[in-house]
Amino acid sequence: MAVINAADVAKLRRVTLAGMMDCKKALEESEGNFDKAIEIIRKKGQAVANKRADKEASEGVVLSKTSADGKAGAIIVLNSETDFVAKNADFLALANKILDIAVSKKPANLEELKSLPMDGGKVGEKVVEYVGIIGEKLDLSYFEKIEAAHVQAYIHPGNRLATLVGFTKAGVDIQVYKDVAMQIAAMNPVAVDKDFVPESVIAQEIEIGKEQARRDGKPEEMLEKIAQGKLTKFFKESTLLNQDFVKDNKMTIRQYLQSANKELTVTEFKRFTLNL
């Protein structure tokens, strides 16, 4: 039988993120063959994944990060079955490693991210491998990216809510960027500005406004005007640039940005939250 030393076990663990005992057993089973040991761990992960395919992975982490130059960023969601696993250090290490790849490689979509190289395999394969390590269903379920003059990331404490924001200007006080990223987390706007709100959402809000006015006994000929008034209020409350700044409700986010730089505005944002 091959002699399995601690250095080999540690090396296999770095590559696979599997536990020390799982790595030791895989090396023993493969008689010290490193590549075969990796394959053993992968097959174990696939077997467990198949068994748990019908389970619901609704817990997990939401993470966002920007590139070193601040001009690109990504936000991902890695799901688990339980909150206990979501707080596991190795699970977080896996999520952050995937996030680093997403930031540096800038894949076009989630499927492309899953196919990118990672530790001798692919990102998607590594997620499956880790299923065998912890015994829970995992799912890399969400990925979005932003590229802009400046991109700001924010992760709310607990790793269940994160935002990513693109701005038109770099070099502004970093607190301004952070404030807007946190505003999005707190106030959950539906769009950057009213012109970015989908027509389907506008139509729905108008119908809601009419129905509310109708229930209040307003005349039929007044419904459209009342609904338009409610729509204006919706734009004020639900579009980022028109929202009141949570730190100073005497100004809107648009005014706050312009107070920092007349040309500063938001190009786009991403926000994702697990059930809080």
Protein backbone atom coordinates (compact mmCIF):
# COMPACT_ATOMS: atom_id res chain seq x y z
CA MET A 1 0.00 0.00 0.00
CA ALA A 2 1.30 3.48 -0.88
CA VAL A 3 2.45 5.69 1.94
CA ILE A 4 0.08 8.66 2.26
CA ASN A 5 1.75 11.68 3.83
CA ALA A 6 0.18 14.84 5.23
CA ALA A 7 1.53 17.00 2.39
CA ASP A 8 -0.33 14.93 -0.23
CA VAL A 9 -3.53 15.09 1.80
CA ALA A 10 -3.20 18.86 2.18
CA LYS A 11 -2.53 19.29 -1.55
CA LEU A 12 -5.63 17.25 -2.47
CA ARG A 13 -7.71 19.26 -0.04
CA ARG A 14 -6.55 22.55 -1.62
CA VAL A 15 -7.58 21.31 -5.05
CA THR A 16 -10.89 19.70 -4.14
CA LEU A 17 -11.89 21.51 -0.90
CA ALA A 18 -12.80 18.08 0.47
CA GLY A 19 -12.29 17.27 4.15
CA MET A 20 -8.98 15.91 5.37
CA MET A 21 -10.35 12.42 6.04
CA ASP A 22 -12.10 12.28 2.64
CA CYS A 23 -8.83 13.25 0.95
CA LYS A 24 -6.87 10.66 2.94
CA LYS A 25 -9.38 7.91 2.05
CA ALA A 26 -9.35 8.89 -1.64
CA LEU A 27 -5.54 8.76 -1.74
CA GLU A 28 -5.54 5.40 0.01
CA GLU A 29 -8.12 4.02 -2.41
CA SER A 30 -6.14 5.31 -5.39
CA GLU A 31 -2.87 4.00 -3.89
CA GLY A 32 -1.39 7.47 -3.86
CA ASN A 33 -2.37 8.39 -7.44
CA PHE A 34 -3.33 12.06 -7.20
CA ASP A 35 -5.43 12.22 -10.40
CA LYS A 36 -7.34 9.05 -9.47
CA ALA A 37 -7.98 10.47 -6.00
CA ILE A 38 -9.52 13.59 -7.54
CA GLU A 39 -11.73 11.40 -9.72
CA ILE A 40 -12.85 9.38 -6.67
CA ILE A 41 -13.94 12.57 -4.91
CA ARG A 42 -15.72 13.79 -8.05
CA LYS A 43 -17.64 10.53 -8.45
CA LYS A 44 -18.66 10.63 -4.81
CA GLY A 45 -20.00 14.15 -5.32
CA GLN A 46 -21.97 13.14 -8.40
CA ALA A 47 -23.46 10.12 -6.60
CA VAL A 48 -24.62 12.25 -3.68
CA ALA A 49 -25.89 14.93 -6.07
CA ASN A 50 -28.01 12.35 -7.90
CA LYS A 51 -29.51 11.15 -4.61
CA ARG A 52 -30.36 14.68 -3.49
CA ALA A 53 -31.58 16.00 -6.83
CA ASP A 54 -35.15 16.37 -5.56
CA LYS A 55 -34.12 18.33 -2.48
CA GLU A 56 -34.65 22.09 -2.25
CA ALA A 57 -31.57 24.29 -1.98
CA SER A 58 -33.08 27.58 -0.83
CA GLU A 59 -30.41 28.71 1.65
CA GLY A 60 -26.89 29.81 0.76
CA VAL A 61 -24.94 33.01 0.18
CA VAL A 62 -25.20 36.06 -2.05
CA LEU A 63 -21.81 37.64 -2.76
CA SER A 64 -20.60 40.54 -4.89
CA LYS A 65 -17.13 41.84 -5.68
CA THR A 66 -15.33 44.23 -8.02
CA SER A 67 -12.09 43.98 -9.96
CA ALA A 68 -8.90 45.61 -8.67
CA ASP A 69 -9.33 48.57 -11.04
CA GLY A 70 -12.96 49.05 -9.98
CA LYS A 71 -14.26 48.91 -13.53
CA ALA A 72 -16.00 45.52 -13.42
CA GLY A 73 -17.84 43.44 -10.90
CA ALA A 74 -19.92 40.32 -10.41
CA ILE A 75 -22.65 39.04 -8.11
CA ILE A 76 -23.33 35.34 -7.55
CA VAL A 77 -25.62 33.10 -5.54
CA LEU A 78 -24.45 29.71 -4.29
CA ASN A 79 -27.33 27.80 -2.71
CA SER A 80 -27.33 25.08 -0.06
CA GLU A 81 -30.09 23.15 1.65
CA THR A 82 -29.45 24.55 5.14
CA ASP A 83 -28.29 27.78 6.72
CA PHE A 84 -25.79 25.73 8.74
CA VAL A 85 -23.86 24.81 5.59
CA ALA A 86 -24.15 28.37 4.26
CA LYS A 87 -22.08 29.52 7.25
CA ASN A 88 -19.45 26.78 6.78
CA ALA A 89 -15.98 28.19 6.09
CA ASP A 90 -15.25 25.76 3.26
CA PHE A 91 -18.60 26.54 1.61
CA LEU A 92 -17.80 30.26 1.77
CA ALA A 93 -14.33 29.57 0.37
CA LEU A 94 -15.89 27.76 -2.59
CA ALA A 95 -18.34 30.62 -3.21
CA ASN A 96 -15.58 33.23 -3.04
CA LYS A 97 -13.36 31.25 -5.39
CA ILE A 98 -16.19 31.09 -7.92
CA LEU A 99 -16.81 34.82 -7.45
CA ASP A 100 -13.13 35.58 -8.13
CA ILE A 101 -13.35 33.63 -11.39
CA ALA A 102 -16.53 35.48 -12.36
CA VAL A 103 -14.88 38.86 -11.73
CA SER A 104 -11.64 38.08 -13.57
CA LYS A 105 -13.02 36.11 -16.55
CA LYS A 106 -16.23 38.14 -17.12
CA PRO A 107 -18.31 35.26 -18.56
CA ALA A 108 -21.33 36.16 -20.68
CA ASN A 109 -23.84 34.25 -18.55
CA LEU A 110 -24.30 31.68 -15.79
CA GLU A 111 -23.76 28.67 -18.06
CA GLU A 112 -20.50 30.10 -19.33
CA LEU A 113 -19.38 30.70 -15.74
CA LYS A 114 -20.10 27.06 -14.88
CA SER A 115 -17.94 25.93 -17.80
CA LEU A 116 -14.87 28.00 -16.85
CA PRO A 117 -11.74 26.20 -15.57
CA MET A 118 -11.31 25.78 -11.82
CA ASP A 119 -8.71 23.66 -10.03
CA GLY A 120 -8.27 21.06 -12.76
CA GLY A 121 -11.97 20.87 -13.64
CA LYS A 122 -14.80 23.27 -14.31
CA VAL A 123 -16.73 25.53 -11.95
CA GLY A 124 -19.92 23.49 -12.32
CA GLU A 125 -18.05 20.25 -11.68
CA LYS A 126 -16.49 21.67 -8.53
CA VAL A 127 -19.94 22.52 -7.17
CA VAL A 128 -21.00 18.90 -7.76
CA GLU A 129 -17.82 17.62 -6.11
CA TYR A 130 -18.57 19.65 -3.04
CA VAL A 131 -22.02 18.04 -2.78
CA GLY A 132 -20.22 14.80 -1.96
CA ILE A 133 -18.07 16.54 0.62
CA ILE A 134 -20.90 18.03 2.69
CA GLY A 135 -23.79 15.74 1.75
CA GLU A 136 -26.20 18.54 0.77
CA LYS A 137 -27.54 19.68 -2.56
CA LEU A 138 -25.73 22.79 -3.83
CA ASP A 139 -26.65 25.00 -6.75
CA LEU A 140 -24.83 27.88 -8.42
CA SER A 141 -28.10 29.56 -9.35
CA TYR A 142 -27.37 33.20 -10.21
CA PHE A 143 -24.69 35.33 -11.83
CA GLU A 144 -24.71 38.88 -13.16
CA LYS A 145 -21.92 41.28 -14.04
CA ILE A 146 -21.50 45.02 -14.57
CA GLU A 147 -18.80 46.97 -16.38
CA ALA A 148 -18.66 50.76 -15.99
CA ALA A 149 -16.35 53.70 -15.24
CA HIS A 150 -16.69 52.66 -11.60
CA VAL A 151 -18.42 49.61 -10.12
CA GLN A 152 -19.30 49.31 -6.45
CA ALA A 153 -20.21 46.12 -4.58
CA TYR A 154 -22.02 45.77 -1.28
CA ILE A 155 -22.73 42.64 0.79
CA HIS A 156 -25.17 43.02 3.65
CA PRO A 157 -24.03 41.35 6.91
CA GLY A 158 -25.07 37.70 6.86
CA ASN A 159 -24.31 37.14 3.14
CA ARG A 160 -28.01 36.90 2.18
CA LEU A 161 -28.29 40.20 0.30
CA ALA A 162 -25.84 41.87 -2.07
CA THR A 163 -25.83 44.65 -4.64
CA LEU A 164 -23.64 45.73 -7.54
CA VAL A 165 -23.79 49.21 -9.07
CA GLY A 166 -22.27 50.84 -12.14
CA PHE A 167 -21.50 54.58 -12.25
CA THR A 168 -20.63 57.00 -15.06
CA LYS A 169 -17.62 58.55 -13.30
CA ALA A 170 -14.63 57.23 -11.38
CA GLY A 171 -12.61 59.14 -8.82
CA VAL A 172 -15.51 60.37 -6.69
CA ASP A 173 -15.47 60.01 -2.89
CA ILE A 174 -15.80 56.25 -2.27
CA GLN A 175 -18.48 56.90 0.37
CA VAL A 176 -20.82 58.19 -2.34
CA TYR A 177 -20.56 54.92 -4.25
CA LYS A 178 -21.06 52.92 -1.05
CA ASP A 179 -24.08 54.98 -0.03
CA VAL A 180 -25.84 54.26 -3.32
CA ALA A 181 -25.04 50.55 -3.16
CA MET A 182 -26.51 50.45 0.35
CA GLN A 183 -29.54 52.50 -0.75
CA ILE A 184 -30.33 49.81 -3.33
CA ALA A 185 -30.01 47.13 -0.67
CA ALA A 186 -32.32 48.98 1.72
CA MET A 187 -34.96 50.39 -0.67
CA ASN A 188 -35.06 47.76 -3.44
CA PRO A 189 -35.74 50.03 -6.43
CA VAL A 190 -37.22 48.42 -9.55
CA ALA A 191 -35.13 50.45 -12.01
CA VAL A 192 -32.51 53.23 -12.24
CA ASP A 193 -35.02 55.82 -13.47
CA LYS A 194 -38.62 55.94 -14.66
CA ASP A 195 -37.55 55.55 -18.30
CA PHE A 196 -36.07 52.16 -17.41
CA VAL A 197 -39.27 50.74 -15.90
CA PRO A 198 -40.71 48.02 -18.19
CA GLU A 199 -43.98 48.89 -19.94
CA SER A 200 -45.57 45.80 -18.40
CA VAL A 201 -44.84 47.11 -14.89
CA ILE A 202 -46.22 50.55 -15.76
CA ALA A 203 -49.41 49.02 -17.16
CA GLN A 204 -49.81 46.91 -14.05
CA GLU A 205 -49.36 49.89 -11.74
CA ILE A 206 -51.97 51.89 -13.70
CA GLU A 207 -54.46 49.05 -13.41
CA ILE A 208 -53.76 48.73 -9.69
CA GLY A 209 -54.30 52.48 -9.29
CA LYS A 210 -57.60 52.37 -11.18
CA GLU A 211 -58.86 49.41 -9.18
CA GLN A 212 -57.98 51.10 -5.88
CA ALA A 213 -59.79 54.27 -6.95
CA ARG A 214 -62.77 52.25 -8.13
CA ARG A 215 -62.97 50.51 -4.75
CA ASP A 216 -62.83 53.91 -3.08
CA GLY A 217 -65.97 54.88 -5.04
CA LYS A 218 -64.31 57.38 -7.38
CA PRO A 219 -66.16 58.24 -10.64
CA GLU A 220 -65.15 56.16 -13.68
CA GLU A 221 -64.08 59.25 -15.62
CA MET A 222 -61.60 60.12 -12.84
CA LEU A 223 -59.89 56.73 -12.67
CA GLU A 224 -57.22 57.38 -15.32
CA LYS A 225 -56.15 60.69 -13.77
CA ILE A 226 -56.00 59.16 -10.29
CA ALA A 227 -54.03 56.17 -11.59
CA GLN A 228 -51.52 58.49 -13.30
CA GLY A 229 -51.04 60.30 -10.00
CA LYS A 230 -50.37 57.02 -8.24
CA LEU A 231 -47.93 56.11 -11.03
CA THR A 232 -45.98 59.31 -10.39
CA LYS A 233 -45.77 58.34 -6.72
CA PHE A 234 -44.62 54.85 -7.74
CA PHE A 235 -41.79 56.33 -9.85
CA LYS A 236 -40.77 58.50 -6.88
CA GLU A 237 -40.69 55.61 -4.44
CA SER A 238 -39.49 52.79 -6.67
CA THR A 239 -36.89 54.19 -9.08
CA LEU A 240 -33.42 54.71 -7.68
CA LEU A 241 -32.58 58.23 -8.88
CA ASN A 242 -35.96 59.58 -7.73
CA GLN A 243 -35.98 57.93 -4.30
CA ASP A 244 -35.28 60.00 -1.22
CA PHE A 245 -31.74 59.41 0.03
CA VAL A 246 -32.08 57.28 3.17
CA LYS A 247 -29.35 59.24 4.96
CA ASP A 248 -30.89 62.63 4.13
CA ASN A 249 -34.49 62.62 2.92
CA LYS A 250 -34.26 66.28 1.95
CA MET A 251 -32.60 65.20 -1.29
CA THR A 252 -33.10 62.47 -3.88
CA ILE A 253 -30.39 60.06 -4.97
CA ARG A 254 -30.08 62.04 -8.22
CA GLN A 255 -29.42 65.22 -6.24
CA TYR A 256 -27.00 63.43 -3.93
CA LEU A 257 -24.97 62.15 -6.88
CA GLN A 258 -24.92 65.57 -8.55
CA SER A 259 -23.75 67.18 -5.32
CA ALA A 260 -20.67 64.95 -5.56
CA ASN A 261 -20.14 65.40 -9.31
CA LYS A 262 -22.47 67.04 -11.83
CA GLU A 263 -21.85 64.25 -14.34
CA LEU A 264 -22.23 61.38 -11.90
CA THR A 265 -25.17 59.00 -12.28
CA VAL A 266 -25.93 55.28 -12.19
CA THR A 267 -25.74 53.23 -15.37
CA GLU A 268 -27.25 50.01 -13.98
CA PHE A 269 -27.50 47.92 -10.83
CA LYS A 270 -28.05 44.35 -9.71
CA ARG A 271 -29.63 43.27 -6.44
CA PHE A 272 -30.32 39.78 -5.13
CA THR A 273 -31.63 38.61 -1.80
CA LEU A 274 -32.38 35.25 -0.27
CA ASN A 275 -35.52 35.10 1.88
CA LEU A 276 -34.83 37.31 4.88
